[in-house]
Amino acid sequence: MEELVKLVSKKTGLSADMSKVAIETVMGFLKKKLPAPIAAQVDAVLKGDAAGVAGTIGSLLGGKKK
């Protein structure tokens, strides 16, 4: 999430705190609109859990479930 905060801050000129608020607002909106499994994956990516996301996506696409 920190990487995204820095990017938004750089692109918009907002402070890091305001960028984080903006990101959290958008993410909250998206998570309400997306199906629960997808929203959970978005959360995982933002928390830096790319390995968990890859495994779940593999399972969704017919791979072996752990």
N, C-alpha and C. Protein backbone atom coordinates (compact mmCIF):
# COMPACT_ATOMS: atom_id res chain seq x y z
N MET A 1 0.82 -1.18 0.00
CA MET A 1 0.00 0.00 0.00
C MET A 1 0.87 1.25 0.00
N GLU A 2 2.01 1.16 0.67
CA GLU A 2 2.90 2.32 0.76
C GLU A 2 3.37 2.77 -0.63
N GLU A 3 3.62 1.80 -1.49
CA GLU A 3 4.05 2.13 -2.85
C GLU A 3 2.95 2.90 -3.59
N LEU A 4 1.71 2.49 -3.40
CA LEU A 4 0.59 3.16 -4.03
C LEU A 4 0.39 4.57 -3.46
N VAL A 5 0.57 4.71 -2.15
CA VAL A 5 0.46 6.03 -1.51
C VAL A 5 1.50 6.97 -2.11
N LYS A 6 2.72 6.50 -2.26
CA LYS A 6 3.78 7.33 -2.83
C LYS A 6 3.46 7.73 -4.27
N LEU A 7 2.94 6.78 -5.04
CA LEU A 7 2.60 7.05 -6.43
C LEU A 7 1.49 8.10 -6.54
N VAL A 8 0.43 7.92 -5.76
CA VAL A 8 -0.68 8.88 -5.79
C VAL A 8 -0.20 10.25 -5.34
N SER A 9 0.60 10.27 -4.31
CA SER A 9 1.13 11.54 -3.81
C SER A 9 1.97 12.24 -4.87
N LYS A 10 2.81 11.49 -5.54
CA LYS A 10 3.67 12.06 -6.58
C LYS A 10 2.85 12.58 -7.76
N LYS A 11 1.87 11.79 -8.18
CA LYS A 11 1.08 12.15 -9.37
C LYS A 11 0.11 13.30 -9.10
N THR A 12 -0.37 13.42 -7.86
CA THR A 12 -1.41 14.41 -7.57
C THR A 12 -0.91 15.62 -6.80
N GLY A 13 0.23 15.48 -6.14
CA GLY A 13 0.72 16.56 -5.30
C GLY A 13 0.08 16.57 -3.92
N LEU A 14 -0.74 15.56 -3.64
CA LEU A 14 -1.35 15.45 -2.31
C LEU A 14 -0.32 14.97 -1.30
N SER A 15 -0.55 15.28 -0.04
CA SER A 15 0.32 14.75 1.01
C SER A 15 0.12 13.24 1.09
N ALA A 16 1.05 12.56 1.74
CA ALA A 16 0.93 11.11 1.91
C ALA A 16 -0.34 10.77 2.67
N ASP A 17 -0.67 11.54 3.70
CA ASP A 17 -1.89 11.27 4.48
C ASP A 17 -3.14 11.41 3.62
N MET A 18 -3.20 12.47 2.82
CA MET A 18 -4.37 12.67 1.96
C MET A 18 -4.43 11.62 0.86
N SER A 19 -3.29 11.21 0.35
CA SER A 19 -3.25 10.16 -0.67
C SER A 19 -3.79 8.86 -0.09
N LYS A 20 -3.41 8.55 1.13
CA LYS A 20 -3.89 7.33 1.77
C LYS A 20 -5.40 7.37 1.95
N VAL A 21 -5.94 8.52 2.36
CA VAL A 21 -7.39 8.66 2.51
C VAL A 21 -8.08 8.44 1.16
N ALA A 22 -7.52 9.03 0.11
CA ALA A 22 -8.10 8.87 -1.23
C ALA A 22 -8.10 7.40 -1.66
N ILE A 23 -6.99 6.73 -1.45
CA ILE A 23 -6.88 5.31 -1.82
C ILE A 23 -7.86 4.47 -1.02
N GLU A 24 -7.94 4.70 0.28
CA GLU A 24 -8.86 3.93 1.11
C GLU A 24 -10.31 4.17 0.70
N THR A 25 -10.63 5.38 0.29
CA THR A 25 -11.98 5.69 -0.16
C THR A 25 -12.32 4.93 -1.44
N VAL A 26 -11.41 4.96 -2.39
CA VAL A 26 -11.63 4.26 -3.65
C VAL A 26 -11.69 2.75 -3.41
N MET A 27 -10.79 2.22 -2.60
CA MET A 27 -10.77 0.79 -2.33
C MET A 27 -12.05 0.34 -1.62
N GLY A 28 -12.53 1.14 -0.69
CA GLY A 28 -13.79 0.81 -0.02
C GLY A 28 -14.94 0.75 -1.00
N PHE A 29 -14.97 1.69 -1.92
CA PHE A 29 -16.01 1.71 -2.95
C PHE A 29 -15.92 0.45 -3.83
N LEU A 30 -14.70 0.16 -4.30
CA LEU A 30 -14.52 -1.01 -5.17
C LEU A 30 -14.88 -2.31 -4.47
N LYS A 31 -14.48 -2.45 -3.20
CA LYS A 31 -14.75 -3.69 -2.48
C LYS A 31 -16.25 -3.90 -2.30
N LYS A 32 -17.02 -2.82 -2.20
CA LYS A 32 -18.48 -2.96 -2.10
C LYS A 32 -19.08 -3.39 -3.43
N LYS A 33 -18.47 -3.00 -4.53
CA LYS A 33 -19.00 -3.28 -5.86
C LYS A 33 -18.54 -4.62 -6.43
N LEU A 34 -17.36 -5.08 -6.01
CA LEU A 34 -16.80 -6.33 -6.54
C LEU A 34 -17.36 -7.54 -5.80
N PRO A 35 -17.39 -8.70 -6.46
CA PRO A 35 -17.75 -9.93 -5.74
C PRO A 35 -16.75 -10.16 -4.60
N ALA A 36 -17.23 -10.73 -3.50
CA ALA A 36 -16.41 -10.91 -2.30
C ALA A 36 -15.05 -11.56 -2.56
N PRO A 37 -14.97 -12.66 -3.35
CA PRO A 37 -13.65 -13.26 -3.57
C PRO A 37 -12.67 -12.31 -4.26
N ILE A 38 -13.16 -11.53 -5.19
CA ILE A 38 -12.30 -10.59 -5.89
C ILE A 38 -11.88 -9.45 -4.97
N ALA A 39 -12.81 -8.97 -4.18
CA ALA A 39 -12.49 -7.90 -3.22
C ALA A 39 -11.42 -8.37 -2.24
N ALA A 40 -11.49 -9.62 -1.82
CA ALA A 40 -10.49 -10.15 -0.90
C ALA A 40 -9.12 -10.20 -1.57
N GLN A 41 -9.09 -10.50 -2.85
CA GLN A 41 -7.82 -10.55 -3.58
C GLN A 41 -7.22 -9.15 -3.72
N VAL A 42 -8.06 -8.16 -3.95
CA VAL A 42 -7.59 -6.78 -4.02
C VAL A 42 -6.95 -6.39 -2.69
N ASP A 43 -7.62 -6.76 -1.61
CA ASP A 43 -7.08 -6.50 -0.28
C ASP A 43 -5.72 -7.16 -0.09
N ALA A 44 -5.61 -8.41 -0.53
CA ALA A 44 -4.36 -9.15 -0.37
C ALA A 44 -3.23 -8.49 -1.15
N VAL A 45 -3.52 -8.04 -2.35
CA VAL A 45 -2.48 -7.37 -3.16
C VAL A 45 -2.00 -6.11 -2.45
N LEU A 46 -2.94 -5.33 -1.93
CA LEU A 46 -2.56 -4.09 -1.25
C LEU A 46 -1.75 -4.35 0.01
N LYS A 47 -1.97 -5.50 0.62
CA LYS A 47 -1.22 -5.85 1.83
C LYS A 47 0.10 -6.53 1.49
N GLY A 48 0.34 -6.76 0.20
CA GLY A 48 1.61 -7.35 -0.21
C GLY A 48 1.63 -8.85 -0.24
N ASP A 49 0.47 -9.49 -0.25
CA ASP A 49 0.40 -10.95 -0.25
C ASP A 49 0.20 -11.48 -1.66
N ALA A 50 1.15 -11.20 -2.54
CA ALA A 50 1.03 -11.63 -3.93
C ALA A 50 1.04 -13.15 -4.07
N ALA A 51 1.79 -13.86 -3.21
CA ALA A 51 1.84 -15.32 -3.29
C ALA A 51 0.47 -15.92 -3.00
N GLY A 52 -0.20 -15.40 -2.00
CA GLY A 52 -1.53 -15.88 -1.68
C GLY A 52 -2.51 -15.62 -2.80
N VAL A 53 -2.38 -14.49 -3.43
CA VAL A 53 -3.25 -14.13 -4.54
C VAL A 53 -3.02 -15.08 -5.71
N ALA A 54 -1.76 -15.35 -6.01
CA ALA A 54 -1.45 -16.25 -7.13
C ALA A 54 -2.04 -17.63 -6.90
N GLY A 55 -1.95 -18.13 -5.68
CA GLY A 55 -2.51 -19.44 -5.36
C GLY A 55 -4.02 -19.46 -5.50
N THR A 56 -4.66 -18.44 -5.04
CA THR A 56 -6.11 -18.36 -5.12
C THR A 56 -6.56 -18.24 -6.57
N ILE A 57 -5.87 -17.43 -7.34
CA ILE A 57 -6.23 -17.29 -8.76
C ILE A 57 -6.03 -18.62 -9.47
N GLY A 58 -4.96 -19.32 -9.15
CA GLY A 58 -4.74 -20.65 -9.73
C GLY A 58 -5.87 -21.59 -9.41
N SER A 59 -6.34 -21.56 -8.18
CA SER A 59 -7.46 -22.40 -7.77
C SER A 59 -8.72 -22.04 -8.53
N LEU A 60 -8.96 -20.76 -8.69
CA LEU A 60 -10.14 -20.30 -9.42
C LEU A 60 -10.11 -20.74 -10.89
N LEU A 61 -8.90 -20.86 -11.43
CA LEU A 61 -8.74 -21.23 -12.83
C LEU A 61 -8.60 -22.74 -13.03
N GLY A 62 -8.85 -23.50 -11.97
CA GLY A 62 -8.84 -24.96 -12.11
C GLY A 62 -7.59 -25.63 -11.61
N GLY A 63 -6.69 -24.90 -10.99
CA GLY A 63 -5.48 -25.50 -10.44
C GLY A 63 -5.78 -26.29 -9.19
N LYS A 64 -4.76 -26.92 -8.64
CA LYS A 64 -4.92 -27.69 -7.41
C LYS A 64 -5.21 -26.76 -6.24
N LYS A 65 -6.14 -27.17 -5.41
CA LYS A 65 -6.44 -26.42 -4.20
C LYS A 65 -5.56 -26.92 -3.08
N LYS A 66 -5.10 -25.99 -2.25
CA LYS A 66 -4.22 -26.36 -1.13
C LYS A 66 -5.04 -26.78 0.05
